[in-house]
Amino acid sequence: MAARTHTVTNQVPPLTGYDVFATDRALVEAVERYVEAGLLEEVREELSSLGRSAGSAQVQEWAAQADGHPPRLRTHDRWGHRVDEVEFHPAWHRLLGKGVSAGLTAAWNRPAGHVRRAAGFLVWTQAEAGTCCPLSMTHAAVPALRADPGLAAEWEPLLTSAVYDRGLRPARLKAGVLFGMGMTEKQGGSDVRANTTSARPLAEDGAYELTGHKWFCSAPMSDGFLVLAQAPEGLTCFLVPRVLPDGTRNVFLIQRLKDKLGNRSNASAEVEFDGTWARRVGEEGRGVRTIIEMVAATRLDCVLGSAGLMRQAVAQAVHHCTHRSAFGGPLVDKPLMRNVLADLALESEAATALALRLAAACDDGGEQERAFLRLALPAAKYWVTKRCAPVVVEAAECLGGNGYVEESGLPRLVRESPLNSIWEGAGNVQALDVLRALRREQGALDAYLREVGRARGADHRLDAAIRDLLTELADLEGVEARARRLAERLALVLQGALLVRHAPPEVADAFCASRLGREWGAAFGTLPHTLNLAAVVDRARPAR
């Protein structure tokens, strides 16, 4: 029996048993914007099914279990034979299996494939982001493998399969496979041209023997990996299978698993190659060019992942403040808390709008959209991933002390929040890639300006921001030192243009006033008080 002094009141019910997709109005509207009418009902139902899973108590329990029981490395069997296997909690396999079956590796062979997958990826990130790494790598391997039609024919059907077939066996015996990636090395980091792993050609056409190491190898339990190594003609891309066609294990020595800040349910490893068999992908000496499409796809997933983390954090904050009372009424009705929640909601919606616009450009595939992506993608990757951590930390603060307790789920989001800004090229790499696109990619700036120009005349603050951006672009003297600032402005102007065109007036007004019109402080909760903040918060409410 509970003590009379321990009556529980004013506690918030768990945010569970809801559709993560259907209750995200910004995401639903983006999907409706980019999916043709004849396909829309099918896509809505597909995403709602995944959304109901993500919001279910069962999946939330699996997520907590996967995070609480990180993978373990087993280097040898009981007899001393080297096995190099990674063991996961059963909850991890259940979560990863649902992601695969939901088509999160199958963008390349379905109509509106990138938009529907992007929306699903954003939803599934909110369940447990750790499983999204192998889903991302597997999805992203497809365009790189297409540099070799023979390899693509062999592997693409397995990479895009909706079957999660765990366990290491020859690929020809499996119904589906997962891929990882290994580019960075101890001495080089993002400077992959400094890689020292060597590739010695073998007698078999296209076959090589690799010797070297990878400091970060994603998803080491996968069936295959795309890696970079130095061949006789220079840095080259290779496919390294874990199991060879005859059933023997390839030499893939997992030295240790990384003990990471977040993303703990997912394995990242240091691996050694010592006479490891590999198949060349693309031409010798063209490794970066071959693998760049994979990198672009994973960078988009970083944007999507951050948008998903922000959305879940905002949903939790709004839900808490709706049900929690203080100082005489619900927290959500207090003007200052409403300002904080609205400010967070703006950041989340802007990230979602931008991420889905990039996915739609991938579906289009035309020359203009490719040019647009060349500039917009690194700018988005730079800015959206950087906004994730402050948004999630502020959302945790909305829960007060409860948000600092593991059971709330917010600490897991906080630990995850910096990841996407670091992986697949950290901030400086993205900012410099923006400069590279401006200097080398004919049509990239024109495509970007054409996109933001569609919103011209609708908001005077956006118009002024576009003019300021053009002035900044006209003077590229010493631009490298201010490349971050330029990437930020490119992303903000693009977000503003998208919201002005597609979001409700109260959302676009608040975004332009704060992010573009500079009526904003250095912390969240400093929006102009004259805005319709109640409508912004209500739009972000996850359950009604």
Protein backbone atom coordinates (compact mmCIF):
# COMPACT_ATOMS: atom_id res chain seq x y z
CA MET A 1 0.00 0.00 0.00
CA ALA A 2 1.33 3.44 -0.87
CA ALA A 3 1.95 5.83 1.96
CA ARG A 4 -0.55 8.64 2.36
CA THR A 5 2.25 11.09 1.60
CA HIS A 6 3.06 9.42 -1.71
CA THR A 7 -0.03 10.13 -3.75
CA VAL A 8 1.13 10.71 -7.33
CA THR A 9 -0.36 13.73 -9.05
CA ASN A 10 0.55 16.09 -11.88
CA GLN A 11 2.77 13.55 -13.64
CA VAL A 12 2.72 13.37 -17.44
CA PRO A 13 1.43 10.21 -19.16
CA PRO A 14 3.95 8.54 -21.50
CA LEU A 15 3.88 9.64 -25.12
CA THR A 16 3.02 6.24 -26.52
CA GLY A 17 0.38 4.53 -28.62
CA TYR A 18 0.40 7.24 -31.30
CA ASP A 19 1.25 7.52 -35.00
CA VAL A 20 4.63 9.28 -35.25
CA PHE A 21 4.03 10.05 -38.92
CA ALA A 22 0.37 11.09 -39.01
CA THR A 23 0.71 13.44 -36.02
CA ASP A 24 3.65 15.27 -37.60
CA ARG A 25 1.81 17.83 -39.69
CA ALA A 26 4.94 19.30 -41.26
CA LEU A 27 6.09 15.87 -42.41
CA VAL A 28 2.66 14.81 -43.69
CA GLU A 29 2.33 18.00 -45.72
CA ALA A 30 5.81 17.58 -47.19
CA VAL A 31 4.96 14.04 -48.32
CA GLU A 32 1.72 15.28 -49.87
CA ARG A 33 3.68 18.01 -51.63
CA TYR A 34 6.15 15.68 -53.34
CA VAL A 35 4.22 12.44 -53.96
CA GLU A 36 1.86 12.35 -56.92
CA ALA A 37 -1.84 11.97 -56.19
CA GLY A 38 -2.22 8.47 -57.59
CA LEU A 39 0.41 7.12 -55.23
CA LEU A 40 -0.34 9.21 -52.18
CA GLU A 41 -2.80 6.95 -50.39
CA GLU A 42 -0.44 3.98 -50.61
CA VAL A 43 2.46 6.05 -49.27
CA ARG A 44 0.38 7.51 -46.45
CA GLU A 45 -0.68 4.08 -45.27
CA GLU A 46 2.85 2.73 -45.54
CA LEU A 47 4.23 5.60 -43.45
CA SER A 48 1.40 5.48 -40.94
CA SER A 49 2.04 1.79 -40.41
CA LEU A 50 5.67 2.58 -39.64
CA GLY A 51 4.60 5.57 -37.55
CA ARG A 52 2.29 3.44 -35.41
CA SER A 53 5.14 1.00 -34.83
CA ALA A 54 7.53 3.80 -33.88
CA GLY A 55 5.01 5.22 -31.43
CA SER A 56 4.05 1.91 -29.87
CA ALA A 57 4.98 0.90 -26.33
CA GLN A 58 6.55 -2.30 -27.66
CA VAL A 59 8.98 -0.56 -30.00
CA GLN A 60 9.81 2.02 -27.35
CA GLU A 61 10.71 -0.84 -25.00
CA TRP A 62 12.88 -2.48 -27.68
CA ALA A 63 14.64 0.85 -28.19
CA ALA A 64 15.44 1.15 -24.49
CA GLN A 65 16.70 -2.42 -24.42
CA ALA A 66 18.90 -1.97 -27.51
CA ASP A 67 20.41 1.21 -26.07
CA GLY A 68 20.87 -0.34 -22.64
CA HIS A 69 22.59 -3.47 -23.97
CA PRO A 70 25.26 -2.28 -26.44
CA PRO A 71 26.82 -4.71 -28.93
CA ARG A 72 29.69 -6.92 -27.82
CA LEU A 73 32.70 -8.02 -29.84
CA ARG A 74 33.55 -11.74 -29.94
CA THR A 75 36.95 -12.09 -31.57
CA HIS A 76 37.49 -15.85 -31.06
CA ASP A 77 35.43 -18.98 -30.57
CA ARG A 78 35.93 -21.40 -27.67
CA TRP A 79 38.68 -23.25 -29.54
CA GLY A 80 40.73 -20.14 -30.28
CA HIS A 81 39.68 -19.66 -33.91
CA ARG A 82 39.28 -16.06 -35.02
CA VAL A 83 35.58 -15.29 -35.73
CA ASP A 84 35.33 -11.47 -35.45
CA GLU A 85 31.60 -11.34 -34.81
CA VAL A 86 29.49 -8.66 -33.16
CA GLU A 87 26.66 -9.80 -30.89
CA PHE A 88 23.55 -7.68 -30.44
CA HIS A 89 20.60 -7.75 -28.07
CA PRO A 90 17.50 -9.34 -29.65
CA ALA A 91 15.76 -5.95 -29.52
CA TRP A 92 18.32 -4.57 -31.97
CA HIS A 93 17.49 -7.26 -34.51
CA ARG A 94 13.76 -6.61 -34.12
CA LEU A 95 14.22 -2.88 -34.70
CA LEU A 96 16.57 -3.34 -37.65
CA GLY A 97 14.27 -5.94 -39.18
CA LYS A 98 11.33 -3.53 -39.04
CA GLY A 99 13.40 -0.82 -40.69
CA VAL A 100 14.42 -3.12 -43.54
CA SER A 101 10.89 -4.45 -44.05
CA ALA A 102 9.57 -0.88 -44.14
CA GLY A 103 11.64 -0.19 -47.26
CA LEU A 104 14.30 2.02 -45.65
CA THR A 105 16.92 0.50 -47.96
CA ALA A 106 14.70 0.43 -51.05
CA ALA A 107 14.56 3.99 -52.36
CA TRP A 108 16.16 3.19 -55.68
CA ASN A 109 13.55 0.90 -57.22
CA ARG A 110 10.20 2.42 -56.16
CA PRO A 111 8.21 5.41 -57.44
CA ALA A 112 8.78 8.45 -55.21
CA GLY A 113 11.29 6.18 -53.55
CA HIS A 114 13.51 8.83 -52.00
CA VAL A 115 10.69 10.92 -50.52
CA ARG A 116 8.84 7.96 -49.03
CA ARG A 117 12.09 6.51 -47.69
CA ALA A 118 13.18 9.91 -46.33
CA ALA A 119 9.91 10.30 -44.45
CA GLY A 120 10.21 6.76 -43.12
CA PHE A 121 13.82 7.33 -42.08
CA LEU A 122 12.81 10.49 -40.23
CA VAL A 123 10.06 8.54 -38.45
CA TRP A 124 12.21 5.51 -37.58
CA THR A 125 15.02 7.68 -36.21
CA GLN A 126 12.56 8.66 -33.50
CA ALA A 127 12.27 5.03 -32.38
CA GLU A 128 16.01 4.30 -32.04
CA ALA A 129 18.57 6.09 -34.14
CA GLY A 130 21.26 3.43 -33.76
CA THR A 131 19.63 1.08 -36.26
CA CYS A 132 19.56 3.86 -38.83
CA CYS A 133 23.31 3.62 -39.47
CA PRO A 134 23.25 0.21 -41.23
CA LEU A 135 20.01 1.20 -42.96
CA SER A 136 21.73 4.33 -44.26
CA MET A 137 24.91 2.58 -45.37
CA THR A 138 22.98 -0.17 -47.15
CA HIS A 139 20.78 2.33 -48.96
CA ALA A 140 23.74 4.51 -49.90
CA ALA A 141 25.88 1.70 -51.33
CA VAL A 142 23.63 1.32 -54.38
CA PRO A 143 24.77 4.35 -56.44
CA ALA A 144 28.43 3.57 -55.79
CA LEU A 145 28.05 -0.03 -56.94
CA ARG A 146 26.38 1.17 -60.13
CA ALA A 147 29.85 2.25 -61.26
CA ASP A 148 30.28 -1.47 -62.03
CA PRO A 149 27.16 -2.87 -63.75
CA GLY A 150 28.18 -6.44 -62.97
CA LEU A 151 28.48 -5.75 -59.26
CA ALA A 152 25.26 -3.77 -59.25
CA ALA A 153 23.37 -6.64 -60.88
CA GLU A 154 24.73 -9.04 -58.27
CA TRP A 155 24.27 -6.95 -55.13
CA GLU A 156 21.54 -4.35 -55.72
CA PRO A 157 18.57 -6.75 -55.44
CA LEU A 158 19.92 -7.90 -52.06
CA LEU A 159 20.65 -4.37 -50.83
CA THR A 160 17.15 -3.17 -51.67
CA SER A 161 15.43 -6.29 -50.35
CA ALA A 162 12.69 -5.94 -47.72
CA VAL A 163 13.99 -9.04 -45.93
CA TYR A 164 16.33 -8.78 -42.96
CA ASP A 165 18.43 -11.92 -43.26
CA ARG A 166 20.87 -11.85 -40.35
CA GLY A 167 23.96 -14.02 -40.03
CA LEU A 168 27.15 -14.28 -42.07
CA ARG A 169 26.79 -16.49 -45.14
CA PRO A 170 27.67 -16.13 -48.83
CA ALA A 171 25.52 -13.41 -50.36
CA ARG A 172 24.11 -15.82 -52.96
CA LEU A 173 22.48 -17.77 -50.11
CA LYS A 174 20.78 -14.76 -48.53
CA ALA A 175 17.47 -13.02 -49.14
CA GLY A 176 18.87 -9.63 -48.19
CA VAL A 177 22.17 -8.07 -47.14
CA LEU A 178 23.49 -5.09 -45.21
CA PHE A 179 26.47 -2.94 -46.12
CA GLY A 180 28.89 -0.83 -44.09
CA MET A 181 31.59 1.61 -45.07
CA GLY A 182 35.24 2.16 -44.14
CA MET A 183 37.03 5.28 -45.34
CA THR A 184 38.78 7.04 -42.46
CA GLU A 185 42.12 5.97 -41.04
CA LYS A 186 44.11 6.92 -37.95
CA GLN A 187 46.46 9.32 -39.70
CA GLY A 188 43.99 10.92 -42.09
CA GLY A 189 40.48 11.31 -40.70
CA SER A 190 38.45 13.26 -43.25
CA ASP A 191 41.53 13.60 -45.46
CA VAL A 192 40.95 10.23 -47.12
CA ARG A 193 43.63 10.89 -49.75
CA ALA A 194 46.13 10.36 -46.92
CA ASN A 195 44.95 6.75 -46.56
CA THR A 196 47.72 4.16 -46.39
CA THR A 197 45.75 0.91 -46.87
CA SER A 198 47.28 -0.76 -49.93
CA ALA A 199 45.60 -2.78 -52.68
CA ARG A 200 47.65 -5.32 -54.63
CA PRO A 201 46.10 -6.60 -57.89
CA LEU A 202 45.52 -10.35 -58.12
CA ALA A 203 45.41 -12.56 -61.19
CA GLU A 204 41.60 -12.56 -61.27
CA ASP A 205 40.26 -9.56 -63.17
CA GLY A 206 39.12 -6.84 -60.77
CA ALA A 207 40.32 -8.71 -57.67
CA TYR A 208 42.80 -7.26 -55.17
CA GLU A 209 44.42 -8.06 -51.84
CA LEU A 210 44.12 -5.34 -49.18
CA THR A 211 46.53 -4.65 -46.34
CA GLY A 212 45.92 -1.89 -43.83
CA HIS A 213 43.42 -0.58 -41.33
CA LYS A 214 40.26 1.48 -40.94
CA TRP A 215 39.92 3.67 -37.86
CA PHE A 216 36.13 3.93 -38.23
CA CYS A 217 34.21 1.12 -39.88
CA SER A 218 30.46 1.48 -39.72
CA ALA A 219 28.19 -1.48 -38.98
CA PRO A 220 30.93 -4.17 -38.82
CA MET A 221 28.39 -7.00 -38.62
CA SER A 222 27.37 -6.29 -42.24
CA ASP A 223 27.69 -8.60 -45.25
CA GLY A 224 29.88 -6.26 -47.24
CA PHE A 225 31.75 -2.95 -47.10
CA LEU A 226 32.80 -0.22 -49.45
CA VAL A 227 36.31 0.91 -48.58
CA LEU A 228 39.06 3.09 -50.02
CA ALA A 229 42.63 1.86 -50.57
CA GLN A 230 45.72 2.84 -52.54
CA ALA A 231 45.97 0.81 -55.77
CA PRO A 232 48.85 1.19 -58.27
CA GLU A 233 47.00 4.05 -60.03
CA GLY A 234 45.93 5.80 -56.83
CA LEU A 235 43.07 5.87 -54.33
CA THR A 236 40.40 3.37 -55.41
CA CYS A 237 37.03 2.11 -54.16
CA PHE A 238 36.67 -1.58 -53.27
CA LEU A 239 33.94 -3.96 -52.18
CA VAL A 240 35.01 -6.18 -49.28
CA PRO A 241 32.62 -9.10 -48.60
CA ARG A 242 32.64 -10.62 -45.12
CA VAL A 243 32.11 -14.12 -46.53
CA LEU A 244 33.69 -15.29 -49.78
CA PRO A 245 31.65 -17.14 -52.44
CA ASP A 246 33.04 -20.52 -51.31
CA GLY A 247 31.73 -19.94 -47.79
CA THR A 248 35.06 -19.13 -46.11
CA ARG A 249 35.43 -16.00 -44.00
CA ASN A 250 37.30 -13.11 -45.55
CA VAL A 251 40.13 -11.62 -43.48
CA PHE A 252 38.31 -8.90 -41.57
CA LEU A 253 39.91 -8.45 -38.16
CA ILE A 254 37.78 -6.41 -35.77
CA GLN A 255 40.25 -4.97 -33.27
CA ARG A 256 37.75 -3.25 -31.00
CA LEU A 257 34.39 -1.52 -30.89
CA LYS A 258 34.27 2.22 -30.29
CA ASP A 259 32.92 3.34 -26.91
CA LYS A 260 30.81 6.24 -28.16
CA LEU A 261 28.99 9.10 -26.46
CA GLY A 262 25.70 8.11 -28.06
CA ASN A 263 24.49 5.81 -30.83
CA ARG A 264 25.31 3.07 -28.36
CA SER A 265 23.06 0.39 -29.81
CA ASN A 266 25.02 0.54 -33.07
CA ALA A 267 28.51 -0.94 -33.50
CA SER A 268 31.37 1.12 -34.91
CA ALA A 269 34.74 -0.58 -35.11
CA GLU A 270 38.43 -0.44 -35.86
CA VAL A 271 39.31 -3.14 -38.38
CA GLU A 272 42.46 -4.55 -39.95
CA PHE A 273 42.95 -5.98 -43.44
CA ASP A 274 45.74 -8.51 -43.84
CA GLY A 275 45.54 -10.21 -47.23
CA THR A 276 41.84 -9.36 -47.44
CA TRP A 277 40.14 -10.19 -50.74
CA ALA A 278 38.37 -7.27 -52.42
CA ARG A 279 36.73 -6.43 -55.72
CA ARG A 280 37.45 -3.11 -57.40
CA VAL A 281 34.47 -0.76 -57.86
CA GLY A 282 34.98 1.74 -60.66
CA GLU A 283 38.33 2.71 -62.12
CA GLU A 284 41.66 2.69 -60.33
CA GLY A 285 42.58 6.08 -58.97
CA ARG A 286 38.95 7.26 -59.06
CA GLY A 287 37.96 6.10 -55.59
CA VAL A 288 36.64 9.40 -54.29
CA ARG A 289 34.59 10.02 -57.43
CA THR A 290 33.18 6.47 -57.23
CA ILE A 291 32.18 6.65 -53.60
CA ILE A 292 30.98 10.27 -53.63
CA GLU A 293 27.38 9.30 -54.45
CA MET A 294 27.36 7.05 -51.39
CA VAL A 295 28.67 9.93 -49.31
CA ALA A 296 25.97 12.25 -50.68
CA ALA A 297 23.25 9.76 -49.75
CA THR A 298 24.57 9.32 -46.23
CA ARG A 299 24.86 13.09 -45.81
CA LEU A 300 21.19 13.45 -46.66
CA ASP A 301 20.49 10.81 -44.03
CA CYS A 302 22.41 12.93 -41.52
CA VAL A 303 20.00 15.78 -42.28
CA LEU A 304 17.02 13.44 -41.99
CA GLY A 305 18.34 11.89 -38.80
CA SER A 306 18.81 15.27 -37.15
CA ALA A 307 15.36 16.36 -38.28
CA GLY A 308 13.95 13.19 -36.72
CA LEU A 309 15.75 13.72 -33.41
CA MET A 310 14.57 17.32 -33.28
CA ARG A 311 11.01 16.31 -34.02
CA GLN A 312 10.96 13.69 -31.28
CA ALA A 313 12.49 16.10 -28.76
CA VAL A 314 9.96 18.80 -29.61
CA ALA A 315 7.09 16.28 -29.49
CA GLN A 316 8.18 15.19 -26.02
CA ALA A 317 8.51 18.78 -24.82
CA VAL A 318 5.10 19.88 -26.13
CA HIS A 319 3.47 16.72 -24.77
CA HIS A 320 5.00 17.27 -21.33
CA CYS A 321 4.01 20.93 -21.17
CA THR A 322 0.47 20.13 -22.30
CA HIS A 323 -0.07 17.72 -19.41
CA ARG A 324 2.05 19.32 -16.70
CA SER A 325 0.62 22.12 -14.55
CA ALA A 326 2.59 24.77 -12.69
CA PHE A 327 1.90 28.22 -11.29
CA GLY A 328 -1.83 27.85 -11.66
CA GLY A 329 -2.26 26.24 -15.07
CA PRO A 330 -0.84 24.04 -17.85
CA LEU A 331 2.76 24.89 -18.72
CA VAL A 332 1.89 25.11 -22.41
CA ASP A 333 -0.35 28.12 -21.68
CA LYS A 334 2.38 30.12 -19.95
CA PRO A 335 3.58 32.85 -22.34
CA LEU A 336 7.29 32.27 -21.75
CA MET A 337 7.08 28.48 -22.09
CA ARG A 338 4.93 28.88 -25.18
CA ASN A 339 7.66 31.06 -26.67
CA VAL A 340 10.28 28.39 -26.01
CA LEU A 341 8.13 25.62 -27.47
CA ALA A 342 7.26 27.67 -30.55
CA ASP A 343 10.92 28.50 -31.12
CA LEU A 344 11.86 24.81 -30.95
CA ALA A 345 8.96 23.88 -33.22
CA LEU A 346 10.16 26.36 -35.85
CA GLU A 347 13.60 24.76 -35.92
CA SER A 348 12.08 21.31 -36.25
CA GLU A 349 9.67 22.23 -39.03
CA ALA A 350 12.33 24.09 -40.99
CA ALA A 351 14.61 21.04 -40.80
CA THR A 352 11.83 18.74 -41.98
CA ALA A 353 10.85 20.99 -44.88
CA LEU A 354 14.45 21.24 -46.07
CA ALA A 355 15.20 17.52 -45.70
CA LEU A 356 12.15 16.45 -47.73
CA ARG A 357 12.90 19.03 -50.42
CA LEU A 358 16.35 17.47 -50.84
CA ALA A 359 14.82 14.00 -51.03
CA ALA A 360 12.42 15.19 -53.72
CA ALA A 361 15.40 16.48 -55.73
CA CYS A 362 16.91 12.98 -55.54
CA ASP A 363 13.70 11.52 -56.96
CA ASP A 364 13.66 14.04 -59.81
CA GLY A 365 17.21 13.25 -60.89
CA GLY A 366 17.27 15.96 -63.57
CA GLU A 367 20.33 18.09 -64.30
CA GLN A 368 18.94 21.17 -62.55
CA GLU A 369 18.01 19.24 -59.43
CA ARG A 370 21.43 17.61 -59.32
CA ALA A 371 23.00 21.06 -59.50
CA PHE A 372 20.70 22.25 -56.72
CA LEU A 373 21.73 19.33 -54.50
CA ARG A 374 25.40 20.01 -55.08
CA LEU A 375 25.12 23.27 -53.15
CA ALA A 376 22.01 22.77 -51.00
CA LEU A 377 23.02 19.39 -49.56
CA PRO A 378 26.33 20.38 -47.90
CA ALA A 379 24.74 23.62 -46.66
CA ALA A 380 21.84 21.66 -45.16
CA LYS A 381 24.14 19.02 -43.70
CA TYR A 382 26.21 21.76 -42.11
CA TRP A 383 23.33 23.74 -40.62
CA VAL A 384 20.58 21.26 -39.74
CA THR A 385 22.91 18.84 -37.98
CA LYS A 386 24.44 21.72 -35.99
CA ARG A 387 21.01 22.86 -34.80
CA CYS A 388 20.10 19.42 -33.48
CA ALA A 389 22.05 19.46 -30.21
CA PRO A 390 20.82 22.84 -28.91
CA VAL A 391 17.23 21.96 -29.84
CA VAL A 392 17.34 18.62 -28.02
CA VAL A 393 19.04 20.07 -24.93
CA GLU A 394 16.48 22.88 -24.72
CA ALA A 395 13.64 20.39 -25.13
CA ALA A 396 15.06 18.35 -22.25
CA GLU A 397 15.06 21.50 -20.14
CA CYS A 398 11.33 21.91 -20.82
CA LEU A 399 10.84 18.70 -18.81
CA GLY A 400 12.88 20.11 -15.93
CA GLY A 401 14.57 17.52 -13.75
CA ASN A 402 12.45 14.81 -15.37
CA GLY A 403 14.25 15.47 -18.65
CA TYR A 404 17.58 14.67 -17.02
CA VAL A 405 16.42 11.21 -15.96
CA GLU A 406 17.07 8.26 -18.27
CA GLU A 407 13.50 6.96 -18.03
CA SER A 408 12.24 10.06 -19.84
CA GLY A 409 14.16 9.10 -23.00
CA LEU A 410 15.54 12.62 -23.41
CA PRO A 411 19.10 11.77 -22.27
CA ARG A 412 19.33 9.23 -25.09
CA LEU A 413 18.31 11.93 -27.57
CA VAL A 414 20.82 14.36 -26.04
CA ARG A 415 23.66 11.87 -26.42
CA GLU A 416 22.63 11.17 -30.00
CA SER A 417 22.17 14.81 -31.00
CA PRO A 418 25.80 15.73 -31.94
CA LEU A 419 26.39 12.60 -34.02
CA ASN A 420 25.14 13.72 -37.43
CA SER A 421 27.19 16.91 -37.39
CA ILE A 422 30.37 14.82 -36.89
CA TRP A 423 29.78 11.80 -39.13
CA GLU A 424 30.06 11.90 -42.91
CA GLY A 425 32.16 15.07 -42.82
CA ALA A 426 32.09 17.48 -39.90
CA GLY A 427 31.20 21.17 -40.09
CA ASN A 428 34.36 22.50 -41.72
CA VAL A 429 34.28 19.77 -44.36
CA GLN A 430 30.70 20.73 -45.28
CA ALA A 431 31.44 24.46 -45.34
CA LEU A 432 34.43 23.91 -47.60
CA ASP A 433 32.32 21.67 -49.82
CA VAL A 434 29.89 24.59 -50.18
CA LEU A 435 32.79 26.72 -51.43
CA ARG A 436 33.89 23.95 -53.77
CA ALA A 437 30.40 23.79 -55.28
CA LEU A 438 30.31 27.55 -55.76
CA ARG A 439 33.68 27.54 -57.52
CA ARG A 440 33.57 24.36 -59.56
CA GLU A 441 29.99 23.24 -60.15
CA GLN A 442 28.50 25.08 -63.06
CA GLY A 443 24.86 25.82 -62.42
CA ALA A 444 24.83 25.04 -58.69
CA LEU A 445 24.32 28.62 -57.54
CA ASP A 446 21.87 29.33 -60.37
CA ALA A 447 19.78 26.30 -59.35
CA TYR A 448 19.83 27.39 -55.71
CA LEU A 449 18.82 30.97 -56.54
CA ARG A 450 16.08 29.72 -58.82
CA GLU A 451 14.68 27.70 -55.91
CA VAL A 452 14.71 30.50 -53.34
CA GLY A 453 13.54 32.96 -55.98
CA ARG A 454 10.20 31.16 -56.14
CA ALA A 455 9.35 32.78 -52.80
CA ARG A 456 10.46 36.29 -53.65
CA GLY A 457 7.94 39.00 -52.92
CA ALA A 458 6.06 36.99 -50.29
CA ASP A 459 7.97 38.27 -47.23
CA HIS A 460 10.09 41.42 -47.00
CA ARG A 461 12.52 39.82 -44.53
CA LEU A 462 13.18 36.93 -46.87
CA ASP A 463 13.68 39.35 -49.77
CA ALA A 464 16.21 41.30 -47.70
CA ALA A 465 18.01 38.10 -46.71
CA ILE A 466 18.30 37.06 -50.37
CA ARG A 467 19.77 40.47 -51.23
CA ASP A 468 22.27 40.22 -48.36
CA LEU A 469 23.25 36.73 -49.48
CA LEU A 470 23.88 37.93 -53.04
CA THR A 471 26.07 40.72 -51.67
CA GLU A 472 28.06 38.21 -49.63
CA LEU A 473 28.46 35.92 -52.64
CA ALA A 474 29.71 38.79 -54.76
CA ASP A 475 32.77 39.19 -52.54
CA LEU A 476 34.64 35.90 -52.17
CA GLU A 477 37.87 37.49 -50.95
CA GLY A 478 39.11 35.54 -47.96
CA VAL A 479 35.95 33.45 -48.13
CA GLU A 480 37.38 30.32 -46.52
CA ALA A 481 37.56 31.97 -43.10
CA ARG A 482 33.86 32.82 -43.31
CA ALA A 483 32.72 29.65 -45.05
CA ARG A 484 30.67 28.55 -42.04
CA ARG A 485 28.77 31.82 -42.03
CA LEU A 486 28.07 31.48 -45.74
CA ALA A 487 26.83 27.89 -45.37
CA GLU A 488 24.55 28.98 -42.54
CA ARG A 489 23.03 31.79 -44.57
CA LEU A 490 22.49 29.57 -47.59
CA ALA A 491 20.62 27.06 -45.43
CA LEU A 492 18.56 29.65 -43.55
CA VAL A 493 17.48 31.47 -46.70
CA LEU A 494 16.47 28.18 -48.30
CA GLN A 495 14.52 27.14 -45.20
CA GLY A 496 12.80 30.51 -45.13
CA ALA A 497 11.86 30.27 -48.79
CA LEU A 498 10.37 26.80 -48.30
CA LEU A 499 8.36 27.83 -45.26
CA VAL A 500 7.07 31.00 -46.93
CA ARG A 501 5.83 28.91 -49.84
CA HIS A 502 4.47 25.89 -47.99
CA ALA A 503 3.98 26.43 -44.24
CA PRO A 504 1.06 28.16 -42.50
CA PRO A 505 1.48 31.97 -42.29
CA GLU A 506 2.14 31.93 -38.55
CA VAL A 507 5.06 29.52 -39.00
CA ALA A 508 6.61 31.39 -41.94
CA ASP A 509 6.11 34.74 -40.17
CA ALA A 510 7.83 33.56 -36.99
CA PHE A 511 10.72 31.97 -38.88
CA CYS A 512 11.40 34.99 -41.05
CA ALA A 513 11.10 37.41 -38.12
CA SER A 514 13.60 35.47 -36.04
CA ARG A 515 16.04 33.63 -38.32
CA LEU A 516 16.07 36.16 -41.16
CA GLY A 517 14.76 39.41 -39.63
CA ARG A 518 17.02 39.18 -36.57
CA GLU A 519 14.17 39.77 -34.08
CA TRP A 520 15.66 36.99 -31.97
CA GLY A 521 18.01 36.50 -29.05
CA ALA A 522 20.89 34.07 -28.58
CA ALA A 523 18.73 31.49 -26.78
CA PHE A 524 15.46 29.73 -27.58
CA GLY A 525 12.34 31.43 -26.25
CA THR A 526 13.22 34.88 -27.55
CA LEU A 527 10.72 35.18 -30.41
CA PRO A 528 8.83 38.47 -30.79
CA HIS A 529 5.84 38.35 -28.43
CA THR A 530 3.51 39.75 -31.09
CA LEU A 531 3.60 36.54 -33.15
CA ASN A 532 0.88 33.88 -33.14
CA LEU A 533 2.92 31.45 -31.05
CA ALA A 534 -0.03 29.42 -29.80
CA ALA A 535 -0.77 28.30 -33.36
CA VAL A 536 2.86 27.32 -33.90
CA VAL A 537 2.88 25.19 -30.74
CA ASP A 538 -0.48 23.60 -31.52
CA ARG A 539 0.81 22.56 -34.95
CA ALA A 540 3.72 20.76 -33.27
CA ARG A 541 1.51 18.82 -30.83
CA PRO A 542 2.17 15.06 -31.28
CA ALA A 543 -1.15 13.70 -29.96
CA ARG A 544 -4.60 15.27 -29.97
